[in-house]
Full PDB file with SEQRES, HELIX, SHEET, SSBOND, CRYST1, ORIGX, SCALE, CONECT and MASTER records, all heavy atoms in Angstrom:
SEQRES   1 A   35  PRO ASP LEU ARG ASP VAL ARG ASN ALA ASP PRO LYS LEU          
SEQRES   2 A   35  ARG GLN ARG ARG LEU LYS GLY LEU VAL VAL LEU ARG ASN          
SEQRES   3 A   35  PHE ARG GLY GLY PRO SER GLU TRP GLU                          
HELIX    1 AA1 PRO A   11  LEU A   13  5                                   3    
CRYST1    1.000    1.000    1.000  90.00  90.00  90.00 P 1           1          
ORIGX1      1.000000  0.000000  0.000000        0.00000                         
ORIGX2      0.000000  1.000000  0.000000        0.00000                         
ORIGX3      0.000000  0.000000  1.000000        0.00000                         
SCALE1      1.000000  0.000000  0.000000        0.00000                         
SCALE2      0.000000  1.000000  0.000000        0.00000                         
SCALE3      0.000000  0.000000  1.000000        0.00000                         
ATOM      1  N   PRO A   1     -14.626 -23.687  -0.985  1.00  0.00           N  
ATOM      2  CA  PRO A   1     -13.490 -23.360  -1.890  1.00  0.00           C  
ATOM      3  C   PRO A   1     -13.561 -23.807  -3.316  1.00  0.00           C  
ATOM      4  O   PRO A   1     -12.943 -23.412  -4.197  1.00  0.00           O  
ATOM      5  CB  PRO A   1     -12.308 -24.105  -1.200  1.00  0.00           C  
ATOM      6  CG  PRO A   1     -12.732 -24.319   0.183  1.00  0.00           C  
ATOM      7  CD  PRO A   1     -14.307 -24.369   0.198  1.00  0.00           C  
ATOM      8  N   ASP A   2     -14.554 -24.795  -3.481  1.00  0.00           N  
ATOM      9  CA  ASP A   2     -14.759 -25.387  -4.848  1.00  0.00           C  
ATOM     10  C   ASP A   2     -15.890 -24.696  -5.665  1.00  0.00           C  
ATOM     11  O   ASP A   2     -16.359 -25.282  -6.637  1.00  0.00           O  
ATOM     12  CB  ASP A   2     -15.008 -26.855  -4.777  1.00  0.00           C  
ATOM     13  CG  ASP A   2     -14.820 -27.615  -6.015  1.00  0.00           C  
ATOM     14  OD1 ASP A   2     -13.833 -27.306  -6.804  1.00  0.00           O  
ATOM     15  OD2 ASP A   2     -15.639 -28.461  -6.410  1.00  0.00           O  
ATOM     16  N   LEU A   3     -16.231 -23.506  -5.121  1.00  0.00           N  
ATOM     17  CA  LEU A   3     -17.419 -22.830  -5.828  1.00  0.00           C  
ATOM     18  C   LEU A   3     -17.063 -22.583  -7.280  1.00  0.00           C  
ATOM     19  O   LEU A   3     -15.981 -22.235  -7.728  1.00  0.00           O  
ATOM     20  CB  LEU A   3     -17.578 -21.438  -5.081  1.00  0.00           C  
ATOM     21  CG  LEU A   3     -18.873 -20.800  -5.253  1.00  0.00           C  
ATOM     22  CD1 LEU A   3     -20.044 -21.625  -4.725  1.00  0.00           C  
ATOM     23  CD2 LEU A   3     -18.802 -19.422  -4.560  1.00  0.00           C  
ATOM     24  N   ARG A   4     -18.126 -22.816  -8.067  1.00  0.00           N  
ATOM     25  CA  ARG A   4     -18.079 -22.584  -9.542  1.00  0.00           C  
ATOM     26  C   ARG A   4     -18.743 -21.227 -10.042  1.00  0.00           C  
ATOM     27  O   ARG A   4     -19.456 -20.641  -9.279  1.00  0.00           O  
ATOM     28  CB  ARG A   4     -18.779 -23.727 -10.180  1.00  0.00           C  
ATOM     29  CG  ARG A   4     -18.231 -25.134  -9.868  1.00  0.00           C  
ATOM     30  CD  ARG A   4     -16.688 -25.274 -10.213  1.00  0.00           C  
ATOM     31  NE  ARG A   4     -16.131 -26.455  -9.585  1.00  0.00           N  
ATOM     32  CZ  ARG A   4     -15.291 -27.107 -10.195  1.00  0.00           C  
ATOM     33  NH1 ARG A   4     -14.957 -26.874 -11.408  1.00  0.00           N  
ATOM     34  NH2 ARG A   4     -14.772 -28.219  -9.516  1.00  0.00           N  
ATOM     35  N   ASP A   5     -18.443 -20.879 -11.211  1.00  0.00           N  
ATOM     36  CA  ASP A   5     -18.897 -19.632 -11.736  1.00  0.00           C  
ATOM     37  C   ASP A   5     -20.314 -19.837 -12.303  1.00  0.00           C  
ATOM     38  O   ASP A   5     -20.555 -19.517 -13.474  1.00  0.00           O  
ATOM     39  CB  ASP A   5     -17.934 -19.374 -12.910  1.00  0.00           C  
ATOM     40  CG  ASP A   5     -18.154 -17.911 -13.501  1.00  0.00           C  
ATOM     41  OD1 ASP A   5     -18.786 -17.144 -12.879  1.00  0.00           O  
ATOM     42  OD2 ASP A   5     -17.569 -17.614 -14.559  1.00  0.00           O  
ATOM     43  N   VAL A   6     -21.186 -20.047 -11.384  1.00  0.00           N  
ATOM     44  CA  VAL A   6     -22.640 -20.378 -11.800  1.00  0.00           C  
ATOM     45  C   VAL A   6     -23.381 -19.213 -12.235  1.00  0.00           C  
ATOM     46  O   VAL A   6     -24.427 -19.262 -12.882  1.00  0.00           O  
ATOM     47  CB  VAL A   6     -23.389 -21.059 -10.626  1.00  0.00           C  
ATOM     48  CG1 VAL A   6     -22.768 -22.448 -10.388  1.00  0.00           C  
ATOM     49  CG2 VAL A   6     -23.401 -20.171  -9.420  1.00  0.00           C  
ATOM     50  N   ARG A   7     -22.972 -17.959 -11.935  1.00  0.00           N  
ATOM     51  CA  ARG A   7     -23.596 -16.665 -12.381  1.00  0.00           C  
ATOM     52  C   ARG A   7     -23.232 -16.270 -13.783  1.00  0.00           C  
ATOM     53  O   ARG A   7     -23.744 -15.260 -14.256  1.00  0.00           O  
ATOM     54  CB  ARG A   7     -23.338 -15.610 -11.400  1.00  0.00           C  
ATOM     55  CG  ARG A   7     -23.901 -15.982  -9.972  1.00  0.00           C  
ATOM     56  CD  ARG A   7     -23.645 -14.977  -8.974  1.00  0.00           C  
ATOM     57  NE  ARG A   7     -24.236 -15.213  -7.667  1.00  0.00           N  
ATOM     58  CZ  ARG A   7     -23.936 -14.639  -6.540  1.00  0.00           C  
ATOM     59  NH1 ARG A   7     -23.137 -13.495  -6.539  1.00  0.00           N  
ATOM     60  NH2 ARG A   7     -24.481 -14.977  -5.402  1.00  0.00           N  
ATOM     61  N   ASN A   8     -22.367 -16.965 -14.365  1.00  0.00           N  
ATOM     62  CA  ASN A   8     -21.879 -16.513 -15.760  1.00  0.00           C  
ATOM     63  C   ASN A   8     -23.029 -16.739 -16.752  1.00  0.00           C  
ATOM     64  O   ASN A   8     -23.725 -17.691 -16.725  1.00  0.00           O  
ATOM     65  CB  ASN A   8     -20.670 -17.471 -16.136  1.00  0.00           C  
ATOM     66  CG  ASN A   8     -19.904 -16.840 -17.221  1.00  0.00           C  
ATOM     67  OD1 ASN A   8     -20.473 -16.669 -18.364  1.00  0.00           O  
ATOM     68  ND2 ASN A   8     -18.628 -16.665 -17.068  1.00  0.00           N  
ATOM     69  N   ALA A   9     -23.077 -15.723 -17.564  1.00  0.00           N  
ATOM     70  CA  ALA A   9     -24.174 -15.647 -18.619  1.00  0.00           C  
ATOM     71  C   ALA A   9     -23.996 -16.798 -19.629  1.00  0.00           C  
ATOM     72  O   ALA A   9     -24.898 -17.271 -20.274  1.00  0.00           O  
ATOM     73  CB  ALA A   9     -24.205 -14.336 -19.369  1.00  0.00           C  
ATOM     74  N   ASP A  10     -22.700 -17.301 -19.822  1.00  0.00           N  
ATOM     75  CA  ASP A  10     -22.455 -18.211 -20.771  1.00  0.00           C  
ATOM     76  C   ASP A  10     -22.503 -19.777 -20.166  1.00  0.00           C  
ATOM     77  O   ASP A  10     -21.582 -19.953 -19.215  1.00  0.00           O  
ATOM     78  CB  ASP A  10     -21.076 -18.070 -21.408  1.00  0.00           C  
ATOM     79  CG  ASP A  10     -20.711 -19.164 -22.482  1.00  0.00           C  
ATOM     80  OD1 ASP A  10     -21.368 -20.141 -22.649  1.00  0.00           O  
ATOM     81  OD2 ASP A  10     -19.750 -18.818 -23.130  1.00  0.00           O  
ATOM     82  N   PRO A  11     -23.429 -20.507 -20.416  1.00  0.00           N  
ATOM     83  CA  PRO A  11     -23.622 -21.810 -19.694  1.00  0.00           C  
ATOM     84  C   PRO A  11     -22.272 -22.647 -19.859  1.00  0.00           C  
ATOM     85  O   PRO A  11     -22.048 -23.418 -18.962  1.00  0.00           O  
ATOM     86  CB  PRO A  11     -24.758 -22.422 -20.380  1.00  0.00           C  
ATOM     87  CG  PRO A  11     -25.530 -21.391 -21.037  1.00  0.00           C  
ATOM     88  CD  PRO A  11     -24.510 -20.282 -21.381  1.00  0.00           C  
ATOM     89  N   LYS A  12     -21.597 -22.523 -20.871  1.00  0.00           N  
ATOM     90  CA  LYS A  12     -20.446 -23.326 -21.048  1.00  0.00           C  
ATOM     91  C   LYS A  12     -19.276 -22.911 -20.102  1.00  0.00           C  
ATOM     92  O   LYS A  12     -18.350 -23.745 -19.880  1.00  0.00           O  
ATOM     93  CB  LYS A  12     -19.849 -23.136 -22.474  1.00  0.00           C  
ATOM     94  CG  LYS A  12     -20.649 -23.551 -23.566  1.00  0.00           C  
ATOM     95  CD  LYS A  12     -20.112 -23.204 -24.861  1.00  0.00           C  
ATOM     96  CE  LYS A  12     -21.126 -23.509 -26.048  1.00  0.00           C  
ATOM     97  NZ  LYS A  12     -20.731 -22.699 -27.210  1.00  0.00           N  
ATOM     98  N   LEU A  13     -19.323 -21.804 -19.420  1.00  0.00           N  
ATOM     99  CA  LEU A  13     -18.334 -21.393 -18.520  1.00  0.00           C  
ATOM    100  C   LEU A  13     -18.803 -21.535 -17.036  1.00  0.00           C  
ATOM    101  O   LEU A  13     -17.976 -21.224 -16.149  1.00  0.00           O  
ATOM    102  CB  LEU A  13     -17.996 -19.816 -18.790  1.00  0.00           C  
ATOM    103  CG  LEU A  13     -17.510 -19.540 -20.223  1.00  0.00           C  
ATOM    104  CD1 LEU A  13     -17.204 -18.057 -20.365  1.00  0.00           C  
ATOM    105  CD2 LEU A  13     -16.124 -20.371 -20.418  1.00  0.00           C  
ATOM    106  N   ARG A  14     -19.950 -21.998 -16.771  1.00  0.00           N  
ATOM    107  CA  ARG A  14     -20.492 -22.059 -15.447  1.00  0.00           C  
ATOM    108  C   ARG A  14     -19.716 -23.136 -14.579  1.00  0.00           C  
ATOM    109  O   ARG A  14     -19.923 -23.161 -13.290  1.00  0.00           O  
ATOM    110  CB  ARG A  14     -21.965 -22.259 -15.457  1.00  0.00           C  
ATOM    111  CG  ARG A  14     -22.767 -21.124 -15.988  1.00  0.00           C  
ATOM    112  CD  ARG A  14     -24.152 -21.305 -15.886  1.00  0.00           C  
ATOM    113  NE  ARG A  14     -24.794 -20.173 -16.577  1.00  0.00           N  
ATOM    114  CZ  ARG A  14     -25.989 -20.082 -17.114  1.00  0.00           C  
ATOM    115  NH1 ARG A  14     -26.715 -21.293 -17.081  1.00  0.00           N  
ATOM    116  NH2 ARG A  14     -26.445 -19.105 -17.695  1.00  0.00           N  
ATOM    117  N   GLN A  15     -18.966 -24.050 -15.112  1.00  0.00           N  
ATOM    118  CA  GLN A  15     -18.252 -25.052 -14.341  1.00  0.00           C  
ATOM    119  C   GLN A  15     -16.860 -24.565 -14.002  1.00  0.00           C  
ATOM    120  O   GLN A  15     -16.166 -25.307 -13.334  1.00  0.00           O  
ATOM    121  CB  GLN A  15     -18.193 -26.347 -15.073  1.00  0.00           C  
ATOM    122  CG  GLN A  15     -19.429 -27.063 -15.240  1.00  0.00           C  
ATOM    123  CD  GLN A  15     -20.163 -27.283 -13.892  1.00  0.00           C  
ATOM    124  OE1 GLN A  15     -19.484 -27.864 -12.961  1.00  0.00           O  
ATOM    125  NE2 GLN A  15     -21.454 -26.892 -13.678  1.00  0.00           N  
ATOM    126  N   ARG A  16     -16.447 -23.404 -14.408  1.00  0.00           N  
ATOM    127  CA  ARG A  16     -15.115 -22.859 -14.008  1.00  0.00           C  
ATOM    128  C   ARG A  16     -15.069 -22.656 -12.465  1.00  0.00           C  
ATOM    129  O   ARG A  16     -15.970 -22.148 -11.953  1.00  0.00           O  
ATOM    130  CB  ARG A  16     -14.785 -21.482 -14.655  1.00  0.00           C  
ATOM    131  CG  ARG A  16     -14.731 -21.644 -16.086  1.00  0.00           C  
ATOM    132  CD  ARG A  16     -14.248 -20.319 -16.736  1.00  0.00           C  
ATOM    133  NE  ARG A  16     -15.096 -19.188 -16.327  1.00  0.00           N  
ATOM    134  CZ  ARG A  16     -14.849 -17.927 -16.837  1.00  0.00           C  
ATOM    135  NH1 ARG A  16     -13.779 -17.682 -17.538  1.00  0.00           N  
ATOM    136  NH2 ARG A  16     -15.685 -17.033 -16.417  1.00  0.00           N  
ATOM    137  N   ARG A  17     -13.960 -23.030 -11.870  1.00  0.00           N  
ATOM    138  CA  ARG A  17     -13.742 -22.665 -10.404  1.00  0.00           C  
ATOM    139  C   ARG A  17     -13.446 -21.203 -10.300  1.00  0.00           C  
ATOM    140  O   ARG A  17     -12.765 -20.606 -11.051  1.00  0.00           O  
ATOM    141  CB  ARG A  17     -12.479 -23.429  -9.949  1.00  0.00           C  
ATOM    142  CG  ARG A  17     -12.796 -24.938  -9.804  1.00  0.00           C  
ATOM    143  CD  ARG A  17     -11.624 -25.696  -9.186  1.00  0.00           C  
ATOM    144  NE  ARG A  17     -11.518 -25.059  -7.694  1.00  0.00           N  
ATOM    145  CZ  ARG A  17     -10.583 -25.293  -7.001  1.00  0.00           C  
ATOM    146  NH1 ARG A  17      -9.671 -26.252  -7.353  1.00  0.00           N  
ATOM    147  NH2 ARG A  17     -10.581 -24.815  -5.702  1.00  0.00           N  
ATOM    148  N   LEU A  18     -14.133 -20.537  -9.257  1.00  0.00           N  
ATOM    149  CA  LEU A  18     -13.978 -19.177  -9.079  1.00  0.00           C  
ATOM    150  C   LEU A  18     -12.515 -18.816  -8.488  1.00  0.00           C  
ATOM    151  O   LEU A  18     -11.930 -17.839  -8.802  1.00  0.00           O  
ATOM    152  CB  LEU A  18     -15.048 -18.600  -8.043  1.00  0.00           C  
ATOM    153  CG  LEU A  18     -16.385 -18.368  -8.715  1.00  0.00           C  
ATOM    154  CD1 LEU A  18     -17.404 -17.949  -7.721  1.00  0.00           C  
ATOM    155  CD2 LEU A  18     -16.352 -17.516  -9.855  1.00  0.00           C  
ATOM    156  N   LYS A  19     -12.073 -19.694  -7.561  1.00  0.00           N  
ATOM    157  CA  LYS A  19     -10.748 -19.442  -6.986  1.00  0.00           C  
ATOM    158  C   LYS A  19      -9.722 -19.516  -8.026  1.00  0.00           C  
ATOM    159  O   LYS A  19      -9.530 -20.478  -8.743  1.00  0.00           O  
ATOM    160  CB  LYS A  19     -10.507 -20.457  -5.874  1.00  0.00           C  
ATOM    161  CG  LYS A  19      -9.221 -20.084  -5.106  1.00  0.00           C  
ATOM    162  CD  LYS A  19      -9.024 -20.697  -3.815  1.00  0.00           C  
ATOM    163  CE  LYS A  19      -7.831 -20.176  -3.116  1.00  0.00           C  
ATOM    164  NZ  LYS A  19      -8.126 -19.784  -1.688  1.00  0.00           N  
ATOM    165  N   GLY A  20      -8.999 -18.378  -8.212  1.00  0.00           N  
ATOM    166  CA  GLY A  20      -7.882 -18.354  -9.202  1.00  0.00           C  
ATOM    167  C   GLY A  20      -8.423 -17.857 -10.621  1.00  0.00           C  
ATOM    168  O   GLY A  20      -7.691 -17.730 -11.527  1.00  0.00           O  
ATOM    169  N   LEU A  21      -9.683 -17.604 -10.676  1.00  0.00           N  
ATOM    170  CA  LEU A  21     -10.243 -17.088 -12.013  1.00  0.00           C  
ATOM    171  C   LEU A  21      -9.790 -15.810 -12.370  1.00  0.00           C  
ATOM    172  O   LEU A  21      -9.766 -14.894 -11.543  1.00  0.00           O  
ATOM    173  CB  LEU A  21     -11.908 -17.038 -11.901  1.00  0.00           C  
ATOM    174  CG  LEU A  21     -12.495 -16.695 -13.173  1.00  0.00           C  
ATOM    175  CD1 LEU A  21     -12.450 -17.750 -14.239  1.00  0.00           C  
ATOM    176  CD2 LEU A  21     -14.050 -16.477 -12.808  1.00  0.00           C  
ATOM    177  N   VAL A  22      -9.232 -15.656 -13.493  1.00  0.00           N  
ATOM    178  CA  VAL A  22      -8.736 -14.417 -14.052  1.00  0.00           C  
ATOM    179  C   VAL A  22      -9.832 -13.477 -14.427  1.00  0.00           C  
ATOM    180  O   VAL A  22     -10.724 -13.780 -15.211  1.00  0.00           O  
ATOM    181  CB  VAL A  22      -7.735 -14.547 -15.229  1.00  0.00           C  
ATOM    182  CG1 VAL A  22      -7.236 -13.185 -15.794  1.00  0.00           C  
ATOM    183  CG2 VAL A  22      -6.609 -15.446 -14.934  1.00  0.00           C  
ATOM    184  N   VAL A  23      -9.898 -12.307 -13.686  1.00  0.00           N  
ATOM    185  CA  VAL A  23     -11.013 -11.373 -13.852  1.00  0.00           C  
ATOM    186  C   VAL A  23     -10.594 -10.056 -14.491  1.00  0.00           C  
ATOM    187  O   VAL A  23     -11.397  -9.212 -15.007  1.00  0.00           O  
ATOM    188  CB  VAL A  23     -11.634 -11.049 -12.457  1.00  0.00           C  
ATOM    189  CG1 VAL A  23     -12.320 -12.292 -11.982  1.00  0.00           C  
ATOM    190  CG2 VAL A  23     -10.685 -10.467 -11.471  1.00  0.00           C  
ATOM    191  N   LEU A  24      -9.244  -9.853 -14.599  1.00  0.00           N  
ATOM    192  CA  LEU A  24      -8.674  -8.730 -15.393  1.00  0.00           C  
ATOM    193  C   LEU A  24      -7.523  -9.202 -16.280  1.00  0.00           C  
ATOM    194  O   LEU A  24      -6.760 -10.033 -15.826  1.00  0.00           O  
ATOM    195  CB  LEU A  24      -8.034  -7.724 -14.384  1.00  0.00           C  
ATOM    196  CG  LEU A  24      -8.828  -7.102 -13.314  1.00  0.00           C  
ATOM    197  CD1 LEU A  24      -7.951  -6.280 -12.348  1.00  0.00           C  
ATOM    198  CD2 LEU A  24      -9.927  -6.090 -13.855  1.00  0.00           C  
ATOM    199  N   ARG A  25      -7.642  -8.773 -17.522  1.00  0.00           N  
ATOM    200  CA  ARG A  25      -6.635  -9.253 -18.593  1.00  0.00           C  
ATOM    201  C   ARG A  25      -6.007  -8.079 -19.334  1.00  0.00           C  
ATOM    202  O   ARG A  25      -6.716  -7.114 -19.707  1.00  0.00           O  
ATOM    203  CB  ARG A  25      -7.235 -10.209 -19.503  1.00  0.00           C  
ATOM    204  CG  ARG A  25      -7.582 -11.551 -18.958  1.00  0.00           C  
ATOM    205  CD  ARG A  25      -8.010 -12.489 -20.091  1.00  0.00           C  
ATOM    206  NE  ARG A  25      -8.683 -13.656 -19.606  1.00  0.00           N  
ATOM    207  CZ  ARG A  25      -8.080 -14.709 -19.242  1.00  0.00           C  
ATOM    208  NH1 ARG A  25      -6.685 -14.784 -19.323  1.00  0.00           N  
ATOM    209  NH2 ARG A  25      -8.659 -15.774 -18.752  1.00  0.00           N  
ATOM    210  N   ASN A  26      -4.790  -8.195 -19.589  1.00  0.00           N  
ATOM    211  CA  ASN A  26      -4.060  -7.315 -20.594  1.00  0.00           C  
ATOM    212  C   ASN A  26      -4.143  -5.903 -20.328  1.00  0.00           C  
ATOM    213  O   ASN A  26      -4.454  -5.163 -21.265  1.00  0.00           O  
ATOM    214  CB  ASN A  26      -4.615  -7.725 -21.962  1.00  0.00           C  
ATOM    215  CG  ASN A  26      -3.643  -7.339 -23.096  1.00  0.00           C  
ATOM    216  OD1 ASN A  26      -2.465  -7.342 -22.899  1.00  0.00           O  
ATOM    217  ND2 ASN A  26      -4.168  -7.021 -24.190  1.00  0.00           N  
ATOM    218  N   PHE A  27      -3.899  -5.442 -19.071  1.00  0.00           N  
ATOM    219  CA  PHE A  27      -3.916  -4.026 -18.883  1.00  0.00           C  
ATOM    220  C   PHE A  27      -2.528  -3.448 -18.960  1.00  0.00           C  
ATOM    221  O   PHE A  27      -1.504  -3.948 -18.528  1.00  0.00           O  
ATOM    222  CB  PHE A  27      -4.489  -3.796 -17.476  1.00  0.00           C  
ATOM    223  CG  PHE A  27      -5.955  -3.780 -17.328  1.00  0.00           C  
ATOM    224  CD1 PHE A  27      -6.627  -4.970 -17.227  1.00  0.00           C  
ATOM    225  CD2 PHE A  27      -6.719  -2.609 -17.401  1.00  0.00           C  
ATOM    226  CE1 PHE A  27      -7.970  -5.081 -17.253  1.00  0.00           C  
ATOM    227  CE2 PHE A  27      -8.097  -2.751 -17.361  1.00  0.00           C  
ATOM    228  CZ  PHE A  27      -8.738  -3.932 -17.280  1.00  0.00           C  
ATOM    229  N   ARG A  28      -2.429  -2.325 -19.773  1.00  0.00           N  
ATOM    230  CA  ARG A  28      -1.204  -1.669 -20.018  1.00  0.00           C  
ATOM    231  C   ARG A  28      -1.238  -0.196 -19.793  1.00  0.00           C  
ATOM    232  O   ARG A  28      -2.395   0.374 -19.885  1.00  0.00           O  
ATOM    233  CB  ARG A  28      -0.818  -1.926 -21.526  1.00  0.00           C  
ATOM    234  CG  ARG A  28      -0.535  -3.327 -21.885  1.00  0.00           C  
ATOM    235  CD  ARG A  28      -0.383  -3.477 -23.315  1.00  0.00           C  
ATOM    236  NE  ARG A  28      -0.250  -4.953 -23.676  1.00  0.00           N  
ATOM    237  CZ  ARG A  28       0.930  -5.633 -23.813  1.00  0.00           C  
ATOM    238  NH1 ARG A  28       2.037  -5.061 -23.585  1.00  0.00           N  
ATOM    239  NH2 ARG A  28       0.812  -6.948 -24.123  1.00  0.00           N  
ATOM    240  N   GLY A  29      -0.135   0.421 -19.506  1.00  0.00           N  
ATOM    241  CA  GLY A  29      -0.221   1.871 -19.203  1.00  0.00           C  
ATOM    242  C   GLY A  29       0.677   2.211 -18.091  1.00  0.00           C  
ATOM    243  O   GLY A  29       1.702   1.578 -17.838  1.00  0.00           O  
ATOM    244  N   GLY A  30       0.092   3.160 -17.288  1.00  0.00           N  
ATOM    245  CA  GLY A  30       0.809   3.664 -16.038  1.00  0.00           C  
ATOM    246  C   GLY A  30       1.319   4.996 -16.337  1.00  0.00           C  
ATOM    247  O   GLY A  30       1.221   5.497 -17.357  1.00  0.00           O  
ATOM    248  N   PRO A  31       1.815   5.730 -15.348  1.00  0.00           N  
ATOM    249  CA  PRO A  31       2.045   5.252 -13.945  1.00  0.00           C  
ATOM    250  C   PRO A  31       0.840   5.233 -13.140  1.00  0.00           C  
ATOM    251  O   PRO A  31       0.896   4.646 -11.988  1.00  0.00           O  
ATOM    252  CB  PRO A  31       3.093   6.196 -13.455  1.00  0.00           C  
ATOM    253  CG  PRO A  31       2.933   7.516 -14.156  1.00  0.00           C  
ATOM    254  CD  PRO A  31       2.410   7.073 -15.466  1.00  0.00           C  
ATOM    255  N   SER A  32      -0.242   5.948 -13.501  1.00  0.00           N  
ATOM    256  CA  SER A  32      -1.428   5.897 -12.600  1.00  0.00           C  
ATOM    257  C   SER A  32      -2.714   5.410 -13.326  1.00  0.00           C  
ATOM    258  O   SER A  32      -3.677   5.316 -12.635  1.00  0.00           O  
ATOM    259  CB  SER A  32      -1.591   7.273 -11.969  1.00  0.00           C  
ATOM    260  OG  SER A  32      -1.910   8.172 -13.052  1.00  0.00           O  
ATOM    261  N   GLU A  33      -2.605   5.154 -14.532  1.00  0.00           N  
ATOM    262  CA  GLU A  33      -3.852   4.682 -15.322  1.00  0.00           C  
ATOM    263  C   GLU A  33      -3.450   3.570 -16.300  1.00  0.00           C  
ATOM    264  O   GLU A  33      -2.423   3.762 -17.003  1.00  0.00           O  
ATOM    265  CB  GLU A  33      -4.503   5.928 -16.033  1.00  0.00           C  
ATOM    266  CG  GLU A  33      -5.858   5.505 -16.442  1.00  0.00           C  
ATOM    267  CD  GLU A  33      -6.743   6.722 -16.733  1.00  0.00           C  
ATOM    268  OE1 GLU A  33      -6.704   7.744 -16.042  1.00  0.00           O  
ATOM    269  OE2 GLU A  33      -7.504   6.603 -17.741  1.00  0.00           O  
ATOM    270  N   TRP A  34      -4.186   2.535 -16.388  1.00  0.00           N  
ATOM    271  CA  TRP A  34      -3.933   1.505 -17.332  1.00  0.00           C  
ATOM    272  C   TRP A  34      -5.300   1.178 -18.010  1.00  0.00           C  
ATOM    273  O   TRP A  34      -6.409   1.218 -17.404  1.00  0.00           O  
ATOM    274  CB  TRP A  34      -3.616   0.230 -16.510  1.00  0.00           C  
ATOM    275  CG  TRP A  34      -2.321   0.365 -15.684  1.00  0.00           C  
ATOM    276  CD1 TRP A  34      -1.077  -0.051 -16.091  1.00  0.00           C  
ATOM    277  CD2 TRP A  34      -2.171   0.956 -14.453  1.00  0.00           C  
ATOM    278  NE1 TRP A  34      -0.136   0.267 -15.227  1.00  0.00           N  
ATOM    279  CE2 TRP A  34      -0.779   0.893 -14.187  1.00  0.00           C  
ATOM    280  CE3 TRP A  34      -2.974   1.650 -13.587  1.00  0.00           C  
ATOM    281  CZ2 TRP A  34      -0.219   1.477 -13.069  1.00  0.00           C  
ATOM    282  CZ3 TRP A  34      -2.464   2.177 -12.495  1.00  0.00           C  
ATOM    283  CH2 TRP A  34      -1.044   2.112 -12.187  1.00  0.00           C  
ATOM    284  N   GLU A  35      -5.158   0.629 -19.253  1.00  0.00           N  
ATOM    285  CA  GLU A  35      -6.397   0.325 -20.032  1.00  0.00           C  
ATOM    286  C   GLU A  35      -6.087  -1.136 -20.578  1.00  0.00           C  
ATOM    287  O   GLU A  35      -5.050  -1.569 -20.811  1.00  0.00           O  
ATOM    288  CB  GLU A  35      -6.648   1.235 -21.210  1.00  0.00           C  
ATOM    289  CG  GLU A  35      -6.973   2.628 -20.774  1.00  0.00           C  
ATOM    290  CD  GLU A  35      -7.383   3.462 -21.877  1.00  0.00           C  
ATOM    291  OE1 GLU A  35      -7.350   3.129 -23.079  1.00  0.00           O  
ATOM    292  OE2 GLU A  35      -7.623   4.683 -21.602  1.00  0.00           O  
TER     293      GLU A  35                                                      
MASTER        0    0    0    1    0    0    0    6  292    1    0    3          
END                                                                             
């Protein structure tokens, strides 16, 4: 459960915890498509 983001291309971000990591941000639109 404490797994880190070790596959990240940015070495500064490799210590982030994967659980709870935001992977999609700021999507708007609808009703069937968001960008």
